[in-house]
Amino acid sequence: MWLYLVAFVGLYYLLRWYRERQVVSHLQDKYVFITGCDSGFGNLLARQLDARGLRVLAACLTEKGAEQLRGQTSDRLKTVTLDVTKMESIAAATQWVKEHVGDRGLWGLVNNAGVIKPVTICEWLNTEDSMNILKVNLIGVIQVTLSMLPLVRRARGRIVNVSSILGRVAFFAGVYCISKYGVEAFSDILRRELQHFGVKISIVEPGYFRTGMTNLTQSLEEMKQRWKEAPKHIKETYGQQYFDAFYNIIKKGLLGCSTNLNLVTDCMEHALTSVYPRTRYSAGWDAKFFFIPVSYLPTSLADYILTRSWPKPAQAV
């Protein structure tokens, strides 16, 4: 009985491996538009795809980031400045992409731009912080996608949305988790709505990685600032001891972030170049072997595992 089960599982993974190794033809003629290319995953993916011969259209928030990227790549790669929180910037970038791709359409759209800071307790956030995270991580993804969608549909191409493992298991950085749960939902809906147009949607869910978004010094300084600005009653509710302990937990987590960004960009590349891309990619050992298994546990058990090391607030009952 067990031998048959092992054989069946082994055959399944062998067939999946063979199927996923099939590569799309004429990649050198494919255009891919990537947001958030100043640094991190977007920057590495742009260089990775350019080295493979694809025609990369890289969107950077700053001209400095665009200039640095151009200096590291071939003449095939083109850059444009894009602020995903501004509709006029998205419209201008869409027109720029149209002029480059022509009648061929846009093969790949990678929604990578994102922010997480400040990393704090929900009660310590101000409205401006929350709105900025939602505008970049969720509303920006929706607006860029809908603006570029006719071009992707023309090419019967791919949309790759960068979510997070915190879009599967929410346990800190509350508004960031909300934004990534939204990306997951938007991607699922889009996949079902576009299935008859030949457009394929993939979600990439990275674990903890060291990028500009998780910069240790900036993250900790912004946390200190939000605690400093918190109302008196919030500080009394949690207490300085709670803040100090929470600060150290976040610091430890940030120090443990993986530096191997290829674990994420390889998933993105596969989603863009494989004949049979996956619907979801969990990137990183922590994502695969901790967070995904935890997501299937009973809620009470998952809560215990995720919060067992948390400190108690000063006014805890």
C-alpha atoms as a PDB file:
ATOM      1  CA  MET A   1       0.000   0.000   0.000  1.00  0.00           C
ATOM      2  CA  TRP A   2       2.664   2.502   1.095  1.00  0.00           C
ATOM      3  CA  LEU A   3       4.908   1.493  -1.789  1.00  0.00           C
ATOM      4  CA  TYR A   4       2.149   2.310  -4.276  1.00  0.00           C
ATOM      5  CA  LEU A   5       1.545   5.665  -2.584  1.00  0.00           C
ATOM      6  CA  VAL A   6       5.234   6.591  -2.695  1.00  0.00           C
ATOM      7  CA  ALA A   7       5.421   5.521  -6.333  1.00  0.00           C
ATOM      8  CA  PHE A   8       2.353   7.613  -7.209  1.00  0.00           C
ATOM      9  CA  VAL A   9       3.708  10.718  -5.469  1.00  0.00           C
ATOM     10  CA  GLY A  10       7.110  10.224  -7.109  1.00  0.00           C
ATOM     11  CA  LEU A  11       5.505   9.869 -10.544  1.00  0.00           C
ATOM     12  CA  TYR A  12       3.414  13.011  -9.956  1.00  0.00           C
ATOM     13  CA  TYR A  13       6.479  15.146  -9.137  1.00  0.00           C
ATOM     14  CA  LEU A  14       8.447  13.668 -12.029  1.00  0.00           C
ATOM     15  CA  LEU A  15       5.681  14.562 -14.483  1.00  0.00           C
ATOM     16  CA  ARG A  16       5.345  18.045 -12.976  1.00  0.00           C
ATOM     17  CA  TRP A  17       9.098  18.581 -13.237  1.00  0.00           C
ATOM     18  CA  TYR A  18       9.083  17.562 -16.899  1.00  0.00           C
ATOM     19  CA  ARG A  19       6.020  19.699 -17.677  1.00  0.00           C
ATOM     20  CA  GLU A  20       7.399  22.805 -15.999  1.00  0.00           C
ATOM     21  CA  ARG A  21      10.729  22.555 -17.843  1.00  0.00           C
ATOM     22  CA  GLN A  22       9.063  23.372 -21.163  1.00  0.00           C
ATOM     23  CA  VAL A  23      10.001  26.908 -22.179  1.00  0.00           C
ATOM     24  CA  VAL A  24       8.067  29.442 -24.250  1.00  0.00           C
ATOM     25  CA  SER A  25       9.533  29.921 -27.727  1.00  0.00           C
ATOM     26  CA  HIS A  26      10.916  33.187 -29.193  1.00  0.00           C
ATOM     27  CA  LEU A  27      11.642  34.742 -25.793  1.00  0.00           C
ATOM     28  CA  GLN A  28      13.907  37.303 -27.464  1.00  0.00           C
ATOM     29  CA  ASP A  29      10.804  38.883 -29.002  1.00  0.00           C
ATOM     30  CA  LYS A  30       8.866  39.127 -25.715  1.00  0.00           C
ATOM     31  CA  TYR A  31       8.396  42.397 -23.839  1.00  0.00           C
ATOM     32  CA  VAL A  32       8.161  42.365 -20.031  1.00  0.00           C
ATOM     33  CA  PHE A  33       7.204  45.392 -17.922  1.00  0.00           C
ATOM     34  CA  ILE A  34       8.408  45.345 -14.287  1.00  0.00           C
ATOM     35  CA  THR A  35       7.546  47.833 -11.538  1.00  0.00           C
ATOM     36  CA  GLY A  36       9.813  48.667  -8.611  1.00  0.00           C
ATOM     37  CA  CYS A  37      13.168  48.213 -10.373  1.00  0.00           C
ATOM     38  CA  ASP A  38      15.207  50.694  -8.332  1.00  0.00           C
ATOM     39  CA  SER A  39      16.425  47.891  -6.054  1.00  0.00           C
ATOM     40  CA  GLY A  40      15.588  44.482  -4.630  1.00  0.00           C
ATOM     41  CA  PHE A  41      13.621  41.842  -6.526  1.00  0.00           C
ATOM     42  CA  GLY A  42      12.620  44.126  -9.405  1.00  0.00           C
ATOM     43  CA  ASN A  43      16.164  45.274 -10.060  1.00  0.00           C
ATOM     44  CA  LEU A  44      17.547  41.744 -10.012  1.00  0.00           C
ATOM     45  CA  LEU A  45      14.733  40.382 -12.184  1.00  0.00           C
ATOM     46  CA  ALA A  46      15.270  43.133 -14.780  1.00  0.00           C
ATOM     47  CA  ARG A  47      18.971  42.226 -15.018  1.00  0.00           C
ATOM     48  CA  GLN A  48      18.197  38.507 -15.029  1.00  0.00           C
ATOM     49  CA  LEU A  49      15.674  38.717 -17.880  1.00  0.00           C
ATOM     50  CA  ASP A  50      17.873  41.101 -19.840  1.00  0.00           C
ATOM     51  CA  ALA A  51      20.749  38.609 -19.618  1.00  0.00           C
ATOM     52  CA  ARG A  52      18.401  35.951 -20.966  1.00  0.00           C
ATOM     53  CA  GLY A  53      17.588  38.075 -24.003  1.00  0.00           C
ATOM     54  CA  LEU A  54      14.069  39.318 -23.221  1.00  0.00           C
ATOM     55  CA  ARG A  55      13.072  42.893 -23.941  1.00  0.00           C
ATOM     56  CA  VAL A  56      12.758  44.421 -20.481  1.00  0.00           C
ATOM     57  CA  LEU A  57      10.780  47.582 -19.806  1.00  0.00           C
ATOM     58  CA  ALA A  58      11.811  48.567 -16.291  1.00  0.00           C
ATOM     59  CA  ALA A  59       9.846  51.062 -14.200  1.00  0.00           C
ATOM     60  CA  CYS A  60      11.751  52.860 -11.440  1.00  0.00           C
ATOM     61  CA  LEU A  61      10.467  55.346  -8.889  1.00  0.00           C
ATOM     62  CA  THR A  62      13.516  57.591  -9.339  1.00  0.00           C
ATOM     63  CA  GLU A  63      15.643  58.613 -12.302  1.00  0.00           C
ATOM     64  CA  LYS A  64      18.727  57.762 -10.244  1.00  0.00           C
ATOM     65  CA  GLY A  65      17.532  54.169  -9.912  1.00  0.00           C
ATOM     66  CA  ALA A  66      16.787  54.017 -13.642  1.00  0.00           C
ATOM     67  CA  GLU A  67      20.229  55.379 -14.538  1.00  0.00           C
ATOM     68  CA  GLN A  68      21.994  52.854 -12.318  1.00  0.00           C
ATOM     69  CA  LEU A  69      20.003  49.981 -13.827  1.00  0.00           C
ATOM     70  CA  ARG A  70      20.779  51.063 -17.384  1.00  0.00           C
ATOM     71  CA  GLY A  71      24.460  51.082 -16.469  1.00  0.00           C
ATOM     72  CA  GLN A  72      24.263  47.405 -15.478  1.00  0.00           C
ATOM     73  CA  THR A  73      22.351  46.067 -18.478  1.00  0.00           C
ATOM     74  CA  SER A  74      22.324  45.882 -22.259  1.00  0.00           C
ATOM     75  CA  ASP A  75      20.871  48.454 -24.648  1.00  0.00           C
ATOM     76  CA  ARG A  76      17.752  46.255 -24.986  1.00  0.00           C
ATOM     77  CA  LEU A  77      16.564  47.272 -21.538  1.00  0.00           C
ATOM     78  CA  LYS A  78      14.564  50.493 -21.433  1.00  0.00           C
ATOM     79  CA  THR A  79      13.532  52.433 -18.334  1.00  0.00           C
ATOM     80  CA  VAL A  80      10.717  54.748 -17.332  1.00  0.00           C
ATOM     81  CA  THR A  81       9.931  56.532 -14.073  1.00  0.00           C
ATOM     82  CA  LEU A  82       6.683  55.420 -12.428  1.00  0.00           C
ATOM     83  CA  ASP A  83       4.873  56.271  -9.221  1.00  0.00           C
ATOM     84  CA  VAL A  84       2.201  53.584  -8.842  1.00  0.00           C
ATOM     85  CA  THR A  85       0.199  55.802  -6.467  1.00  0.00           C
ATOM     86  CA  LYS A  86      -0.471  58.400  -9.190  1.00  0.00           C
ATOM     87  CA  MET A  87      -2.887  57.659 -12.016  1.00  0.00           C
ATOM     88  CA  GLU A  88      -1.309  60.206 -14.359  1.00  0.00           C
ATOM     89  CA  SER A  89       2.064  58.480 -13.923  1.00  0.00           C
ATOM     90  CA  ILE A  90       0.480  55.090 -14.661  1.00  0.00           C
ATOM     91  CA  ALA A  91      -1.256  56.478 -17.771  1.00  0.00           C
ATOM     92  CA  ALA A  92       2.013  57.958 -19.050  1.00  0.00           C
ATOM     93  CA  ALA A  93       3.869  54.684 -18.451  1.00  0.00           C
ATOM     94  CA  THR A  94       1.137  52.739 -20.259  1.00  0.00           C
ATOM     95  CA  GLN A  95       1.411  54.994 -23.305  1.00  0.00           C
ATOM     96  CA  TRP A  96       5.212  54.579 -23.200  1.00  0.00           C
ATOM     97  CA  VAL A  97       4.812  50.783 -23.150  1.00  0.00           C
ATOM     98  CA  LYS A  98       2.349  50.927 -26.089  1.00  0.00           C
ATOM     99  CA  GLU A  99       4.897  52.805 -28.158  1.00  0.00           C
ATOM    100  CA  HIS A 100       7.527  50.141 -27.487  1.00  0.00           C
ATOM    101  CA  VAL A 101       5.504  46.948 -27.900  1.00  0.00           C
ATOM    102  CA  GLY A 102       3.371  47.995 -30.889  1.00  0.00           C
ATOM    103  CA  ASP A 103       1.023  45.341 -32.253  1.00  0.00           C
ATOM    104  CA  ARG A 104       2.824  42.508 -30.476  1.00  0.00           C
ATOM    105  CA  GLY A 105       1.392  43.463 -27.127  1.00  0.00           C
ATOM    106  CA  LEU A 106       2.951  43.031 -23.705  1.00  0.00           C
ATOM    107  CA  TRP A 107       3.994  39.462 -22.878  1.00  0.00           C
ATOM    108  CA  GLY A 108       4.680  39.988 -19.193  1.00  0.00           C
ATOM    109  CA  LEU A 109       3.560  42.379 -16.462  1.00  0.00           C
ATOM    110  CA  VAL A 110       5.302  42.028 -13.101  1.00  0.00           C
ATOM    111  CA  ASN A 111       3.712  44.000 -10.264  1.00  0.00           C
ATOM    112  CA  ASN A 112       6.672  44.109  -7.908  1.00  0.00           C
ATOM    113  CA  ALA A 113       6.658  47.616  -6.377  1.00  0.00           C
ATOM    114  CA  GLY A 114       5.869  47.514  -2.671  1.00  0.00           C
ATOM    115  CA  VAL A 115       6.475  48.994   0.783  1.00  0.00           C
ATOM    116  CA  ILE A 116       6.238  47.587   4.298  1.00  0.00           C
ATOM    117  CA  LYS A 117       7.569  50.298   6.617  1.00  0.00           C
ATOM    118  CA  PRO A 118       6.796  51.184   9.281  1.00  0.00           C
ATOM    119  CA  VAL A 119       6.688  47.744  10.910  1.00  0.00           C
ATOM    120  CA  THR A 120       4.684  48.324  14.082  1.00  0.00           C
ATOM    121  CA  ILE A 121       1.642  47.273  16.053  1.00  0.00           C
ATOM    122  CA  CYS A 122      -1.574  48.365  14.300  1.00  0.00           C
ATOM    123  CA  GLU A 123      -2.464  50.825  17.090  1.00  0.00           C
ATOM    124  CA  TRP A 124       0.852  52.622  16.641  1.00  0.00           C
ATOM    125  CA  LEU A 125       0.236  53.405  12.969  1.00  0.00           C
ATOM    126  CA  ASN A 126      -1.187  56.699  11.784  1.00  0.00           C
ATOM    127  CA  THR A 127      -3.694  57.024   8.955  1.00  0.00           C
ATOM    128  CA  GLU A 128      -1.095  58.336   6.516  1.00  0.00           C
ATOM    129  CA  ASP A 129       1.103  55.262   7.031  1.00  0.00           C
ATOM    130  CA  SER A 130      -1.805  52.905   6.434  1.00  0.00           C
ATOM    131  CA  MET A 131      -3.029  54.688   3.322  1.00  0.00           C
ATOM    132  CA  ASN A 132       0.456  54.797   1.773  1.00  0.00           C
ATOM    133  CA  ILE A 133       0.949  51.044   2.225  1.00  0.00           C
ATOM    134  CA  LEU A 134      -2.454  50.317   0.673  1.00  0.00           C
ATOM    135  CA  LYS A 135      -1.923  52.747  -2.207  1.00  0.00           C
ATOM    136  CA  VAL A 136       1.405  51.213  -3.217  1.00  0.00           C
ATOM    137  CA  ASN A 137       0.827  47.529  -2.467  1.00  0.00           C
ATOM    138  CA  LEU A 138      -2.806  47.063  -3.478  1.00  0.00           C
ATOM    139  CA  ILE A 139      -4.416  50.021  -5.257  1.00  0.00           C
ATOM    140  CA  GLY A 140      -1.252  50.519  -7.329  1.00  0.00           C
ATOM    141  CA  VAL A 141      -1.249  46.852  -8.380  1.00  0.00           C
ATOM    142  CA  ILE A 142      -4.906  47.054  -9.423  1.00  0.00           C
ATOM    143  CA  GLN A 143      -4.505  50.309 -11.356  1.00  0.00           C
ATOM    144  CA  VAL A 144      -1.312  49.286 -13.162  1.00  0.00           C
ATOM    145  CA  THR A 145      -2.825  45.918 -14.084  1.00  0.00           C
ATOM    146  CA  LEU A 146      -6.073  47.328 -15.437  1.00  0.00           C
ATOM    147  CA  SER A 147      -4.203  50.004 -17.368  1.00  0.00           C
ATOM    148  CA  MET A 148      -1.833  47.471 -18.989  1.00  0.00           C
ATOM    149  CA  LEU A 149      -4.373  44.667 -19.374  1.00  0.00           C
ATOM    150  CA  PRO A 150      -5.384  45.331 -23.016  1.00  0.00           C
ATOM    151  CA  LEU A 151      -1.704  45.069 -23.996  1.00  0.00           C
ATOM    152  CA  VAL A 152      -1.245  41.804 -22.063  1.00  0.00           C
ATOM    153  CA  ARG A 153      -4.445  40.369 -23.518  1.00  0.00           C
ATOM    154  CA  ARG A 154      -3.255  41.166 -27.049  1.00  0.00           C
ATOM    155  CA  ALA A 155      -0.119  39.086 -26.454  1.00  0.00           C
ATOM    156  CA  ARG A 156      -2.013  36.398 -24.510  1.00  0.00           C
ATOM    157  CA  GLY A 157       0.693  36.937 -21.950  1.00  0.00           C
ATOM    158  CA  ARG A 158       1.405  36.684 -18.240  1.00  0.00           C
ATOM    159  CA  ILE A 159       0.719  38.740 -15.133  1.00  0.00           C
ATOM    160  CA  VAL A 160       2.949  38.081 -12.138  1.00  0.00           C
ATOM    161  CA  ASN A 161       1.845  39.691  -8.876  1.00  0.00           C
ATOM    162  CA  VAL A 162       4.276  39.794  -5.968  1.00  0.00           C
ATOM    163  CA  SER A 163       2.371  39.086  -2.792  1.00  0.00           C
ATOM    164  CA  SER A 164       4.037  37.795   0.391  1.00  0.00           C
ATOM    165  CA  ILE A 165       3.893  34.849   2.707  1.00  0.00           C
ATOM    166  CA  LEU A 166       2.172  37.381   4.979  1.00  0.00           C
ATOM    167  CA  GLY A 167      -0.623  37.318   2.409  1.00  0.00           C
ATOM    168  CA  ARG A 168      -1.210  33.728   3.523  1.00  0.00           C
ATOM    169  CA  VAL A 169      -0.436  33.986   7.252  1.00  0.00           C
ATOM    170  CA  ALA A 170      -1.030  37.379   8.882  1.00  0.00           C
ATOM    171  CA  PHE A 171       0.610  37.871  12.253  1.00  0.00           C
ATOM    172  CA  PHE A 172       2.429  41.237  12.268  1.00  0.00           C
ATOM    173  CA  ALA A 173       2.732  44.371  10.095  1.00  0.00           C
ATOM    174  CA  GLY A 174      -1.066  44.476   9.977  1.00  0.00           C
ATOM    175  CA  VAL A 175      -1.791  46.869   7.108  1.00  0.00           C
ATOM    176  CA  TYR A 176       0.954  45.300   4.991  1.00  0.00           C
ATOM    177  CA  CYS A 177      -0.741  41.912   5.498  1.00  0.00           C
ATOM    178  CA  ILE A 178      -4.093  43.431   4.534  1.00  0.00           C
ATOM    179  CA  SER A 179      -2.588  44.772   1.304  1.00  0.00           C
ATOM    180  CA  LYS A 180      -1.077  41.389   0.424  1.00  0.00           C
ATOM    181  CA  TYR A 181      -4.296  39.502   1.189  1.00  0.00           C
ATOM    182  CA  GLY A 182      -5.879  41.936  -1.251  1.00  0.00           C
ATOM    183  CA  VAL A 183      -3.260  41.114  -3.901  1.00  0.00           C
ATOM    184  CA  GLU A 184      -4.027  37.407  -3.427  1.00  0.00           C
ATOM    185  CA  ALA A 185      -7.766  38.001  -3.863  1.00  0.00           C
ATOM    186  CA  PHE A 186      -7.322  40.301  -6.867  1.00  0.00           C
ATOM    187  CA  SER A 187      -5.039  37.743  -8.535  1.00  0.00           C
ATOM    188  CA  ASP A 188      -7.468  34.871  -7.946  1.00  0.00           C
ATOM    189  CA  ILE A 189     -10.367  36.870  -9.367  1.00  0.00           C
ATOM    190  CA  LEU A 190      -8.316  38.042 -12.356  1.00  0.00           C
ATOM    191  CA  ARG A 191      -7.167  34.494 -13.122  1.00  0.00           C
ATOM    192  CA  ARG A 192     -10.776  33.279 -13.302  1.00  0.00           C
ATOM    193  CA  GLU A 193     -12.005  36.260 -15.300  1.00  0.00           C
ATOM    194  CA  LEU A 194      -9.209  36.035 -17.893  1.00  0.00           C
ATOM    195  CA  GLN A 195      -9.037  32.259 -18.341  1.00  0.00           C
ATOM    196  CA  HIS A 196     -10.780  32.438 -21.742  1.00  0.00           C
ATOM    197  CA  PHE A 197      -8.352  35.078 -23.077  1.00  0.00           C
ATOM    198  CA  GLY A 198      -5.206  32.969 -22.775  1.00  0.00           C
ATOM    199  CA  VAL A 199      -3.770  35.237 -20.067  1.00  0.00           C
ATOM    200  CA  LYS A 200      -2.100  33.414 -17.151  1.00  0.00           C
ATOM    201  CA  ILE A 201      -1.809  34.857 -13.656  1.00  0.00           C
ATOM    202  CA  SER A 202       0.848  33.841 -11.143  1.00  0.00           C
ATOM    203  CA  ILE A 203       1.339  34.904  -7.529  1.00  0.00           C
ATOM    204  CA  VAL A 204       4.807  34.960  -5.953  1.00  0.00           C
ATOM    205  CA  GLU A 205       4.827  34.737  -2.143  1.00  0.00           C
ATOM    206  CA  PRO A 206       8.314  35.523  -0.766  1.00  0.00           C
ATOM    207  CA  GLY A 207       9.291  34.745   2.795  1.00  0.00           C
ATOM    208  CA  TYR A 208      11.745  37.004   4.637  1.00  0.00           C
ATOM    209  CA  PHE A 209      14.374  38.521   2.324  1.00  0.00           C
ATOM    210  CA  ARG A 210      16.839  41.365   2.762  1.00  0.00           C
ATOM    211  CA  THR A 211      15.950  44.172   0.363  1.00  0.00           C
ATOM    212  CA  GLY A 212      15.655  47.924   0.574  1.00  0.00           C
ATOM    213  CA  MET A 213      12.142  47.379   1.896  1.00  0.00           C
ATOM    214  CA  THR A 214      13.496  45.497   4.931  1.00  0.00           C
ATOM    215  CA  ASN A 215      16.464  47.776   5.596  1.00  0.00           C
ATOM    216  CA  LEU A 216      17.384  47.175   9.251  1.00  0.00           C
ATOM    217  CA  THR A 217      18.361  50.714  10.257  1.00  0.00           C
ATOM    218  CA  GLN A 218      15.431  52.433   8.546  1.00  0.00           C
ATOM    219  CA  SER A 219      12.883  49.915   9.811  1.00  0.00           C
ATOM    220  CA  LEU A 220      14.008  50.204  13.434  1.00  0.00           C
ATOM    221  CA  GLU A 221      14.247  53.992  13.321  1.00  0.00           C
ATOM    222  CA  GLU A 222      10.733  54.295  11.920  1.00  0.00           C
ATOM    223  CA  MET A 223       9.438  51.953  14.614  1.00  0.00           C
ATOM    224  CA  LYS A 224      11.032  54.124  17.291  1.00  0.00           C
ATOM    225  CA  GLN A 225       9.492  57.201  15.719  1.00  0.00           C
ATOM    226  CA  ARG A 226       5.981  55.717  15.663  1.00  0.00           C
ATOM    227  CA  TRP A 227       6.306  54.704  19.318  1.00  0.00           C
ATOM    228  CA  LYS A 228       7.532  58.198  20.176  1.00  0.00           C
ATOM    229  CA  GLU A 229       4.526  59.735  18.372  1.00  0.00           C
ATOM    230  CA  ALA A 230       1.982  57.345  19.900  1.00  0.00           C
ATOM    231  CA  PRO A 231      -0.650  58.892  22.200  1.00  0.00           C
ATOM    232  CA  LYS A 232      -0.022  58.706  25.934  1.00  0.00           C
ATOM    233  CA  HIS A 233      -2.830  56.204  26.517  1.00  0.00           C
ATOM    234  CA  ILE A 234      -1.335  53.819  23.927  1.00  0.00           C
ATOM    235  CA  LYS A 235       2.061  53.975  25.618  1.00  0.00           C
ATOM    236  CA  GLU A 236       0.450  53.290  28.979  1.00  0.00           C
ATOM    237  CA  THR A 237      -1.533  50.366  27.548  1.00  0.00           C
ATOM    238  CA  TYR A 238       1.525  48.611  26.111  1.00  0.00           C
ATOM    239  CA  GLY A 239       4.351  49.938  28.254  1.00  0.00           C
ATOM    240  CA  GLN A 240       8.000  50.620  27.478  1.00  0.00           C
ATOM    241  CA  GLN A 241       8.977  47.047  28.365  1.00  0.00           C
ATOM    242  CA  TYR A 242       6.608  45.738  25.677  1.00  0.00           C
ATOM    243  CA  PHE A 243       8.061  48.101  23.086  1.00  0.00           C
ATOM    244  CA  ASP A 244      11.634  47.097  23.933  1.00  0.00           C
ATOM    245  CA  ALA A 245      10.802  43.394  23.634  1.00  0.00           C
ATOM    246  CA  PHE A 246       8.861  43.886  20.385  1.00  0.00           C
ATOM    247  CA  TYR A 247      11.715  45.997  18.998  1.00  0.00           C
ATOM    248  CA  ASN A 248      14.170  43.169  19.668  1.00  0.00           C
ATOM    249  CA  ILE A 249      11.857  40.583  18.050  1.00  0.00           C
ATOM    250  CA  ILE A 250      11.607  42.657  14.865  1.00  0.00           C
ATOM    251  CA  LYS A 251      15.356  43.327  14.899  1.00  0.00           C
ATOM    252  CA  LYS A 252      16.075  39.608  15.176  1.00  0.00           C
ATOM    253  CA  GLY A 253      13.645  38.874  12.336  1.00  0.00           C
ATOM    254  CA  LEU A 254      15.204  41.484  10.048  1.00  0.00           C
ATOM    255  CA  LEU A 255      18.719  40.203  10.795  1.00  0.00           C
ATOM    256  CA  GLY A 256      17.571  36.713   9.806  1.00  0.00           C
ATOM    257  CA  CYS A 257      16.298  37.726   6.370  1.00  0.00           C
ATOM    258  CA  SER A 258      17.728  35.714   3.475  1.00  0.00           C
ATOM    259  CA  THR A 259      20.143  37.475   1.131  1.00  0.00           C
ATOM    260  CA  ASN A 260      19.571  35.027  -1.739  1.00  0.00           C
ATOM    261  CA  LEU A 261      17.105  37.072  -3.800  1.00  0.00           C
ATOM    262  CA  ASN A 262      17.398  34.613  -6.681  1.00  0.00           C
ATOM    263  CA  LEU A 263      15.032  32.318  -4.796  1.00  0.00           C
ATOM    264  CA  VAL A 264      12.341  34.888  -5.595  1.00  0.00           C
ATOM    265  CA  THR A 265      13.431  36.122  -9.023  1.00  0.00           C
ATOM    266  CA  ASP A 266      13.801  32.551 -10.305  1.00  0.00           C
ATOM    267  CA  CYS A 267      10.117  32.027  -9.465  1.00  0.00           C
ATOM    268  CA  MET A 268       9.218  35.208 -11.362  1.00  0.00           C
ATOM    269  CA  GLU A 269      11.319  34.153 -14.335  1.00  0.00           C
ATOM    270  CA  HIS A 270       9.688  30.724 -14.418  1.00  0.00           C
ATOM    271  CA  ALA A 271       6.222  32.299 -14.324  1.00  0.00           C
ATOM    272  CA  LEU A 272       7.152  34.402 -17.364  1.00  0.00           C
ATOM    273  CA  THR A 273       9.036  31.824 -19.432  1.00  0.00           C
ATOM    274  CA  SER A 274       7.508  28.412 -18.691  1.00  0.00           C
ATOM    275  CA  VAL A 275       4.819  27.032 -20.978  1.00  0.00           C
ATOM    276  CA  TYR A 276       3.077  25.850 -17.810  1.00  0.00           C
ATOM    277  CA  PRO A 277       3.595  28.438 -15.051  1.00  0.00           C
ATOM    278  CA  ARG A 278       2.357  27.753 -11.540  1.00  0.00           C
ATOM    279  CA  THR A 279      -0.546  29.625  -9.999  1.00  0.00           C
ATOM    280  CA  ARG A 280       1.430  30.226  -6.790  1.00  0.00           C
ATOM    281  CA  TYR A 281       5.128  30.218  -5.962  1.00  0.00           C
ATOM    282  CA  SER A 282       6.290  30.129  -2.337  1.00  0.00           C
ATOM    283  CA  ALA A 283       9.821  31.557  -2.329  1.00  0.00           C
ATOM    284  CA  GLY A 284      12.245  30.830   0.491  1.00  0.00           C
ATOM    285  CA  TRP A 285      12.746  27.995   2.954  1.00  0.00           C
ATOM    286  CA  ASP A 286      10.779  29.789   5.685  1.00  0.00           C
ATOM    287  CA  ALA A 287       7.815  30.151   3.336  1.00  0.00           C
ATOM    288  CA  LYS A 288       7.863  26.537   2.180  1.00  0.00           C
ATOM    289  CA  PHE A 289       8.583  24.725   5.422  1.00  0.00           C
ATOM    290  CA  PHE A 290       7.146  26.977   8.126  1.00  0.00           C
ATOM    291  CA  PHE A 291       4.520  29.472   7.008  1.00  0.00           C
ATOM    292  CA  ILE A 292       2.696  27.323   4.454  1.00  0.00           C
ATOM    293  CA  PRO A 293       2.357  24.365   6.877  1.00  0.00           C
ATOM    294  CA  VAL A 294       1.243  26.764   9.654  1.00  0.00           C
ATOM    295  CA  SER A 295      -1.443  28.159   7.343  1.00  0.00           C
ATOM    296  CA  TYR A 296      -3.151  24.746   7.304  1.00  0.00           C
ATOM    297  CA  LEU A 297      -3.162  24.283  11.090  1.00  0.00           C
ATOM    298  CA  PRO A 298      -6.228  24.913  13.291  1.00  0.00           C
ATOM    299  CA  THR A 299      -6.412  28.632  14.071  1.00  0.00           C
ATOM    300  CA  SER A 300      -5.864  28.249  17.818  1.00  0.00           C
ATOM    301  CA  LEU A 301      -2.707  26.188  17.261  1.00  0.00           C
ATOM    302  CA  ALA A 302      -1.384  28.593  14.608  1.00  0.00           C
ATOM    303  CA  ASP A 303      -2.028  31.532  16.973  1.00  0.00           C
ATOM    304  CA  TYR A 304      -0.021  29.844  19.711  1.00  0.00           C
ATOM    305  CA  ILE A 305       2.923  29.015  17.447  1.00  0.00           C
ATOM    306  CA  LEU A 306       3.082  32.495  15.926  1.00  0.00           C
ATOM    307  CA  THR A 307       2.698  34.522  19.145  1.00  0.00           C
ATOM    308  CA  ARG A 308       4.267  32.315  21.825  1.00  0.00           C
ATOM    309  CA  SER A 309       7.379  34.528  21.990  1.00  0.00           C
ATOM    310  CA  TRP A 310       5.493  37.832  22.067  1.00  0.00           C
ATOM    311  CA  PRO A 311       5.688  39.982  25.211  1.00  0.00           C
ATOM    312  CA  LYS A 312       2.629  40.879  27.295  1.00  0.00           C
ATOM    313  CA  PRO A 313       1.359  44.486  27.318  1.00  0.00           C
ATOM    314  CA  ALA A 314       1.537  46.390  30.589  1.00  0.00           C
ATOM    315  CA  GLN A 315      -2.256  46.419  30.937  1.00  0.00           C
ATOM    316  CA  ALA A 316      -2.841  42.818  29.810  1.00  0.00           C
ATOM    317  CA  VAL A 317      -5.686  41.078  31.654  1.00  0.00           C
END
